[in-house]
Protein backbone atom coordinates (compact mmCIF):
# COMPACT_ATOMS: atom_id res chain seq x y z
CA UNK A 1 -10.21 20.76 29.28
CA UNK A 2 -6.86 19.38 28.16
CA UNK A 3 -6.52 18.87 24.42
CA UNK A 4 -5.73 15.35 23.25
CA UNK A 5 -3.60 14.12 20.38
CA UNK A 6 -4.33 10.71 18.90
CA UNK A 7 -1.64 8.10 18.17
CA UNK A 8 -2.39 8.51 14.46
CA UNK A 9 -1.85 12.27 14.58
CA UNK A 10 1.42 11.80 16.44
CA UNK A 11 2.51 9.02 14.05
CA UNK A 12 2.00 11.28 11.06
CA UNK A 13 4.06 14.00 12.72
CA UNK A 14 6.89 11.56 13.37
CA UNK A 15 6.78 10.17 9.83
CA UNK A 16 6.70 13.69 8.37
CA UNK A 17 9.68 14.63 10.57
CA UNK A 18 7.89 17.56 12.20
CA UNK A 19 9.48 19.19 15.22
CA UNK A 20 7.87 17.54 18.24
CA UNK A 21 8.53 17.98 21.97
CA UNK A 22 7.39 15.19 24.27
CA UNK A 23 7.30 15.24 28.07
CA UNK A 24 7.29 11.58 29.11
CA UNK A 25 6.15 11.21 32.73
CA UNK A 26 6.71 7.48 33.16
CA UNK A 27 9.26 6.07 35.58
CA UNK A 28 12.84 6.46 34.40
CA UNK A 29 13.37 2.69 34.06
CA UNK A 30 10.37 2.38 31.73
CA UNK A 31 11.50 5.42 29.77
CA UNK A 32 15.04 4.10 29.37
CA UNK A 33 13.68 0.78 28.13
CA UNK A 34 11.31 2.19 25.50
CA UNK A 35 10.25 5.64 24.32
CA UNK A 36 8.83 7.56 21.35
CA UNK A 37 11.55 8.30 18.83
CA UNK A 38 11.81 10.34 15.66
CA UNK A 39 14.26 12.36 13.61
CA UNK A 40 12.96 15.68 14.92
CA UNK A 41 11.49 14.40 18.17
CA UNK A 42 12.86 15.75 21.45
CA UNK A 43 11.86 13.77 24.53
CA UNK A 44 12.18 14.91 28.15
CA UNK A 45 11.61 12.46 30.99
CA UNK A 46 10.33 13.58 34.38
CA UNK A 47 8.50 10.91 36.42
CA UNK A 48 4.94 11.75 37.40
CA UNK A 49 5.62 11.41 41.13
CA UNK A 50 8.07 14.33 40.83
CA UNK A 51 5.28 16.48 39.38
CA UNK A 52 2.46 15.65 41.76
CA UNK A 53 3.05 18.79 43.82
CA UNK A 54 3.78 21.10 40.92
CA UNK A 55 5.61 21.47 37.62
CA UNK A 56 8.72 23.15 39.04
CA UNK A 57 11.00 20.22 38.01
CA UNK A 58 10.29 20.91 34.31
CA UNK A 59 9.28 24.57 34.28
CA UNK A 60 12.79 25.81 33.57
CA UNK A 61 13.22 23.37 30.67
CA UNK A 62 10.09 24.37 28.76
CA UNK A 63 8.88 27.60 27.15
CA UNK A 64 5.29 28.56 27.90
CA UNK A 65 4.47 29.19 24.24
CA UNK A 66 6.12 25.92 23.19
CA UNK A 67 3.98 23.01 22.02
CA UNK A 68 4.30 20.11 24.50
CA UNK A 69 2.85 16.61 24.22
CA UNK A 70 2.63 14.77 27.55
CA UNK A 71 2.91 10.98 27.55
CA UNK A 72 2.50 8.27 30.19
CA UNK A 73 1.75 4.53 30.19
CA UNK A 74 -2.01 4.64 29.59
CA UNK A 75 -2.99 8.32 29.32
CA UNK A 76 -4.19 9.24 32.81
CA UNK A 77 -1.08 10.68 34.44
CA UNK A 78 -0.12 12.59 31.29
CA UNK A 79 -3.53 14.24 31.22
CA UNK A 80 -3.09 15.42 34.82
CA UNK A 81 0.35 16.82 34.06
CA UNK A 82 -1.02 18.56 30.97
CA UNK A 83 -3.67 20.22 33.14
CA UNK A 84 -0.97 21.43 35.54
CA UNK A 85 1.01 22.89 32.65
CA UNK A 86 -2.05 24.73 31.38
CA UNK A 87 -2.78 26.12 34.85
CA UNK A 88 0.82 27.41 34.94
CA UNK A 89 0.26 29.34 31.71
CA UNK A 90 1.43 26.92 29.02
CA UNK A 91 -0.72 27.53 25.95
CA UNK A 92 -0.04 24.59 23.59
CA UNK A 93 -0.32 21.41 25.63
CA UNK A 94 -1.62 18.05 24.41
CA UNK A 95 -1.91 14.66 26.10
CA UNK A 96 -1.38 11.47 24.07
CA UNK A 97 -4.62 9.49 24.07
CA UNK A 98 -4.12 6.06 25.60
CA UNK A 99 -0.46 6.70 26.39
CA UNK A 100 2.34 4.37 25.35
CA UNK A 101 -0.01 1.41 25.29
CA UNK A 102 -2.07 3.04 22.52
CA UNK A 103 1.12 4.22 20.80
CA UNK A 104 2.35 0.62 20.76
CA UNK A 105 -0.83 -0.52 18.99
CA UNK A 106 -1.09 2.07 16.25
CA UNK A 107 -0.52 0.89 12.67
CA UNK A 108 0.26 3.46 9.97
CA UNK A 109 -0.10 2.24 6.36
CA UNK A 110 2.60 3.50 3.98
CA UNK A 111 2.69 2.71 0.27
CA UNK A 112 5.97 1.05 -0.67
CA UNK A 113 5.45 0.79 -4.40
CA UNK A 114 3.40 -0.31 -7.39
CA UNK A 115 3.04 -3.81 -8.77
CA UNK A 116 2.04 -4.96 -12.25
CA UNK A 117 -1.33 -3.99 -13.73
CA UNK A 118 -2.37 -1.61 -11.00
CA UNK A 119 -1.32 -3.67 -7.98
CA UNK A 120 0.45 -2.19 -4.96
CA UNK A 121 2.25 -3.16 -1.79
CA UNK A 122 1.75 -1.31 1.49
CA UNK A 123 3.79 -1.49 4.66
CA UNK A 124 1.91 -1.16 7.94
CA UNK A 125 4.39 0.59 10.25
CA UNK A 126 3.92 -0.02 13.96
CA UNK A 127 6.00 2.91 15.19
CA UNK A 128 5.61 2.12 18.88
CA UNK A 129 6.85 -1.44 18.49
CA UNK A 130 9.13 -1.38 15.46
CA UNK A 131 7.00 -4.04 13.76
CA UNK A 132 6.23 -4.09 10.03
CA UNK A 133 3.47 -5.99 8.26
CA UNK A 134 2.38 -6.00 4.63
CA UNK A 135 -0.75 -5.61 2.52
CA UNK A 136 -0.30 -6.81 -1.07
CA UNK A 137 -3.20 -6.02 -3.39
CA UNK A 138 -4.12 -6.69 -7.00
CA UNK A 139 -7.40 -6.65 -8.94
CA UNK A 140 -9.68 -6.65 -5.93
CA UNK A 141 -7.74 -9.18 -3.83
CA UNK A 142 -5.11 -8.86 -1.11
CA UNK A 143 -2.67 -10.88 0.96
CA UNK A 144 -1.66 -9.77 4.46
CA UNK A 145 1.76 -10.81 5.77
CA UNK A 146 2.94 -10.87 9.42
CA UNK A 147 -0.33 -9.50 10.71
CA UNK A 148 -0.28 -7.54 13.96
CA UNK A 149 -2.74 -8.32 16.75
CA UNK A 150 -4.90 -5.29 15.80
CA UNK A 151 -6.69 -6.90 12.85
CA UNK A 152 -9.25 -4.11 12.47
CA UNK A 153 -6.61 -1.93 10.79
CA UNK A 154 -6.30 -4.38 7.87
CA UNK A 155 -10.04 -4.92 7.63
CA UNK A 156 -10.71 -1.19 7.47
CA UNK A 157 -7.93 -0.68 4.93
CA UNK A 158 -9.30 -3.49 2.74
CA UNK A 159 -12.76 -1.94 2.90
CA UNK A 160 -11.36 1.47 1.98
CA UNK A 161 -9.41 -0.02 -0.92
CA UNK A 162 -12.45 -2.13 -1.94
CA UNK A 163 -10.47 -5.36 -1.98
CA UNK A 164 -11.08 -8.78 -0.44
CA UNK A 165 -8.41 -10.33 1.77
CA UNK A 166 -7.60 -13.70 0.19
CA UNK A 167 -4.50 -14.94 2.05
CA UNK A 168 -3.16 -14.33 5.55
CA UNK A 169 0.45 -15.39 6.12
CA UNK A 170 3.07 -15.39 8.84
CA UNK A 171 6.69 -15.73 7.75
CA UNK A 172 7.46 -17.49 11.03
CA UNK A 173 6.10 -18.17 14.51
CA UNK A 174 6.52 -14.81 16.25
CA UNK A 175 7.97 -14.43 19.74
CA UNK A 176 7.92 -10.64 20.18
CA UNK A 177 4.28 -9.92 19.36
CA UNK A 178 0.97 -11.74 19.17
CA UNK A 179 0.02 -12.56 15.60
CA UNK A 180 -3.40 -11.52 14.37
CA UNK A 181 -3.05 -13.84 11.37
CA UNK A 182 -5.29 -16.64 12.56
CA UNK A 183 -7.94 -14.18 13.80
CA UNK A 184 -7.94 -12.21 10.55
CA UNK A 185 -8.19 -15.39 8.48
CA UNK A 186 -11.14 -16.48 10.61
CA UNK A 187 -12.91 -13.16 10.10
CA UNK A 188 -12.42 -13.20 6.34
CA UNK A 189 -13.15 -16.90 5.91
CA UNK A 190 -9.80 -17.46 4.21
CA UNK A 191 -6.84 -19.69 4.99
CA UNK A 192 -4.07 -18.94 7.44
CA UNK A 193 -0.59 -19.87 6.17
CA UNK A 194 2.31 -20.75 8.46
CA UNK A 195 5.65 -22.49 7.79
CA UNK A 196 5.12 -26.14 8.81
CA UNK A 197 8.49 -26.44 10.57
CA UNK A 198 7.35 -23.68 12.94
CA UNK A 199 3.92 -25.24 13.38
CA UNK A 200 4.79 -28.60 14.96
CA UNK A 201 3.13 -27.62 18.24
CA UNK A 202 0.20 -25.48 17.05
CA UNK A 203 -3.26 -26.51 18.14
CA UNK A 204 -5.18 -25.29 15.08
CA UNK A 205 -5.48 -26.00 11.38
CA UNK A 206 -3.33 -24.05 8.93
CA UNK A 207 -2.11 -24.15 5.36
CA UNK A 208 1.62 -24.81 4.83
CA UNK A 209 3.71 -21.87 3.68
CA UNK A 210 6.64 -23.57 2.02
CA UNK A 211 8.97 -23.36 -0.92
CA UNK A 212 7.41 -24.42 -4.20
CA UNK A 213 3.85 -23.46 -3.22
CA UNK A 214 3.36 -20.11 -4.94
CA UNK A 215 0.35 -17.99 -4.07
CA UNK A 216 -1.47 -15.75 -6.54
CA UNK A 217 -3.16 -12.47 -5.62
CA UNK A 218 -5.66 -11.09 -8.14
CA UNK A 219 -6.02 -11.78 -11.83
CA UNK A 220 -2.63 -10.26 -12.57
CA UNK A 221 -0.88 -13.25 -10.99
CA UNK A 222 1.32 -11.47 -8.50
CA UNK A 223 3.60 -14.30 -7.44
CA UNK A 224 4.14 -14.71 -3.72
CA UNK A 225 7.04 -17.13 -3.87
CA UNK A 226 8.05 -18.63 -0.52
CA UNK A 227 11.74 -19.32 0.09
CA UNK A 228 12.83 -21.44 3.03
CA UNK A 229 15.21 -19.26 5.05
CA UNK A 230 15.74 -20.59 8.59
CA UNK A 231 17.80 -18.99 11.32
CA UNK A 232 15.52 -16.77 13.38
CA UNK A 233 13.27 -19.81 13.67
CA UNK A 234 13.68 -23.25 12.12
CA UNK A 235 10.76 -22.59 9.77
CA UNK A 236 11.39 -18.95 8.79
CA UNK A 237 10.25 -18.46 5.21
CA UNK A 238 10.86 -15.40 3.05
CA UNK A 239 8.59 -14.20 0.24
CA UNK A 240 9.48 -12.85 -3.19
CA UNK A 241 6.85 -10.62 -4.76
CA UNK A 242 6.97 -10.24 -8.55
CA UNK A 243 10.77 -10.68 -8.59
CA UNK A 244 10.89 -7.18 -7.14
CA UNK A 245 10.42 -7.34 -3.37
CA UNK A 246 11.92 -9.70 -0.79
CA UNK A 247 9.95 -9.99 2.46
CA UNK A 248 12.57 -11.26 4.90
CA UNK A 249 10.53 -11.64 8.10
CA UNK A 250 12.91 -11.53 11.06
CA UNK A 251 15.92 -12.93 9.19
CA UNK A 252 17.38 -9.74 7.71
CA UNK A 253 16.78 -6.12 8.72
CA UNK A 254 18.10 -2.91 7.22
CA UNK A 255 20.72 -2.32 9.92
CA UNK A 256 21.02 -5.73 11.55
CA UNK A 257 20.16 -9.42 11.32
CA UNK A 258 17.69 -11.63 13.16
CA UNK A 259 18.51 -13.34 16.44
CA UNK A 260 18.35 -17.16 16.64
CA UNK A 261 17.68 -17.64 20.35
CA UNK A 262 14.01 -16.86 21.06
CA UNK A 263 13.11 -20.54 21.17
CA UNK A 264 16.18 -21.29 23.28
CA UNK A 265 18.15 -22.75 20.38
CA UNK A 266 20.78 -20.18 19.50
CA UNK A 267 23.61 -22.70 19.13
CA UNK A 268 21.43 -24.97 16.97
CA UNK A 269 20.07 -22.24 14.69
CA UNK A 270 23.01 -19.89 14.24
CA UNK A 271 24.35 -22.16 11.49
CA UNK A 272 21.02 -21.98 9.68
CA UNK A 273 21.09 -18.21 10.00
CA UNK A 274 24.55 -18.08 8.43
CA UNK A 275 23.44 -20.42 5.63
CA UNK A 276 20.43 -18.22 4.82
CA UNK A 277 22.28 -14.91 4.88
CA UNK A 278 25.54 -15.95 3.27
CA UNK A 279 24.30 -18.55 0.76
CA UNK A 280 20.54 -18.60 0.11
CA UNK A 281 20.12 -14.84 -0.08
CA UNK A 282 23.42 -14.47 -1.94
CA UNK A 283 21.88 -16.43 -4.83
CA UNK A 284 19.08 -13.89 -5.19
CA UNK A 285 19.14 -10.73 -7.30
CA UNK A 286 20.96 -7.75 -5.77
CA UNK A 287 18.11 -5.57 -7.08
CA UNK A 288 15.46 -7.12 -4.82
CA UNK A 289 14.04 -4.59 -2.36
CA UNK A 290 14.27 -6.00 1.15
CA UNK A 291 11.14 -5.46 3.26
CA UNK A 292 11.73 -6.75 6.82
CA UNK A 293 9.23 -7.49 9.59
CA UNK A 294 10.98 -5.15 12.04
CA UNK A 295 13.20 -2.13 12.34
CA UNK A 296 15.26 -0.88 15.26
CA UNK A 297 15.92 2.79 14.53
CA UNK A 298 14.06 5.72 13.06
CA UNK A 299 17.12 6.16 10.85
CA UNK A 300 15.98 3.14 8.84
CA UNK A 301 12.85 4.92 7.62
CA UNK A 302 12.68 6.54 4.20
CA UNK A 303 11.05 9.83 3.21
CA UNK A 304 7.51 8.39 3.38
CA UNK A 305 8.15 6.47 6.58
CA UNK A 306 8.80 3.18 4.79
CA UNK A 307 11.55 0.76 5.83
CA UNK A 308 13.21 -0.78 2.77
CA UNK A 309 16.62 -1.29 1.19
CA UNK A 310 18.15 -2.89 -1.90
CA UNK A 311 19.58 -6.34 -1.12
CA UNK A 312 22.87 -5.60 -2.90
CA UNK A 313 23.32 -2.45 -0.82
CA UNK A 314 22.80 -4.37 2.41
CA UNK A 315 25.61 -6.72 1.46
CA UNK A 316 27.82 -3.63 1.31
CA UNK A 317 26.48 -1.76 4.36
CA UNK A 318 24.89 -4.13 6.91
CA UNK A 319 27.55 -5.20 9.42
CA UNK A 320 25.79 -8.53 9.95
CA UNK A 321 26.60 -9.44 6.35
CA UNK A 322 30.29 -8.48 6.51
CA UNK A 323 31.72 -11.34 8.61
CA UNK A 324 34.36 -13.33 6.74
CA UNK A 325 33.98 -16.73 8.46
CA UNK A 326 31.22 -18.81 9.98
CA UNK A 327 33.20 -19.11 13.23
CA UNK A 328 33.41 -15.33 13.59
CA UNK A 329 29.73 -15.08 12.65
CA UNK A 330 28.77 -17.51 15.40
CA UNK A 331 30.79 -15.51 17.89
CA UNK A 332 29.30 -12.19 16.76
CA UNK A 333 25.72 -13.47 17.00
CA UNK A 334 25.92 -15.31 20.30
CA UNK A 335 27.85 -12.52 22.05
CA UNK A 336 25.62 -9.65 20.91
CA UNK A 337 22.16 -10.74 21.93
CA UNK A 338 20.08 -8.03 23.64
CA UNK A 339 17.59 -8.84 26.42
CA UNK A 340 14.79 -11.05 25.16
CA UNK A 341 11.38 -9.49 24.42
CA UNK A 342 8.87 -9.22 27.25
CA UNK A 343 6.84 -12.41 27.78
CA UNK A 344 8.40 -14.02 24.69
CA UNK A 345 7.69 -17.59 25.82
CA UNK A 346 4.04 -16.83 26.57
CA UNK A 347 3.72 -14.95 23.28
CA UNK A 348 5.05 -18.02 21.43
CA UNK A 349 2.54 -20.25 23.23
CA UNK A 350 -0.26 -17.81 22.41
CA UNK A 351 0.72 -17.91 18.74
CA UNK A 352 0.68 -21.71 18.94
CA UNK A 353 -2.83 -21.65 20.37
CA UNK A 354 -1.69 -23.29 23.61
CA UNK A 355 -2.77 -20.38 25.83
CA UNK A 356 -5.48 -17.78 25.29
CA UNK A 357 -4.85 -14.64 27.38
CA UNK A 358 -7.62 -12.06 27.44
CA UNK A 359 -7.47 -8.79 25.54
CA UNK A 360 -6.00 -6.70 28.37
CA UNK A 361 -3.35 -9.30 29.15
CA UNK A 362 -2.33 -9.46 25.50
CA UNK A 363 -1.76 -5.70 25.55
CA UNK A 364 0.45 -6.00 28.61
CA UNK A 365 2.40 -8.92 27.11
CA UNK A 366 3.37 -6.83 24.08
CA UNK A 367 4.52 -3.76 26.01
CA UNK A 368 8.05 -2.67 25.16
CA UNK A 369 10.42 -2.84 22.17
CA UNK A 370 10.58 -5.84 19.83
CA UNK A 371 14.26 -6.83 20.35
CA UNK A 372 14.30 -9.31 17.47
CA UNK A 373 17.66 -8.17 16.10
CA UNK A 374 21.22 -8.99 17.05
CA UNK A 375 22.73 -5.85 18.63
């Protein structure tokens, strides 16, 4: 029987930069759009239909004593190819459980750093989607920021850490993935916070996340200080944690900046984006550690798998922060927009509560890369 490798096992290999060889048997178009990436990850693509009659198309590219991980969309085709490889004498073959769909859903918690009096902040890295969410804990309480759809990961982590989730927040109304914020708040009996300017069309109750309304986690008074920072959306709101960390949502990334067009208002919001990046953030301390809600490249990850950078360094290194006029900035942003995320309009409506797709449809809606950054 073919051996399986779980998304968690593969995620830890990628984060630890272990040499990994992947045979991706999806169609070439799907592979070109989105694949598993890592610093020491080699990926070969050979569509399954080319392998149905035998492994000859890949046999010359692989060594029989080489470890190979087969990958497909949902895990079935890759398992069949793995069986063919084993029958041909390959001795170290694994099939990724659940395929790229399961890879897209896996969340790997990584500790970013310590907070006062025993507190800590963790980044939940969604390697298959480039999404980042946050778990801020102190003295038995926690806040979760930009929650992914898979809420069980946060619940299990809270149980393991023996803390109670007190706040659930979204920095903005997401268009690239379905937020689990409202569901997690409902499960824990706590409030769901959303910037009111992004919530004009939501169909549910929420608490306003807005500047001047600090939140406290635990008895050590970790300050979650919201800062209005529009541009990606009209309501985008950043968070400052203990004057040490800056959670930027989809406004500022390590290697790029957020796109302003996912609600169809690029021309309206590009000025807000410039104002946030070139004025509001400029007034903040250069020593703040930027923690974004997305990343685009494995190169952005640190030694532990975390994605973080000092704000002052980004003003020296991030090309999106180097433009010397608003006119040139507008041109750069509007002319360098990648394709929009899959199903982004339906995802926005789902996050507003206007539509309620079933579990399987939600999985399909999120398939593919996040594409929230300007190219």
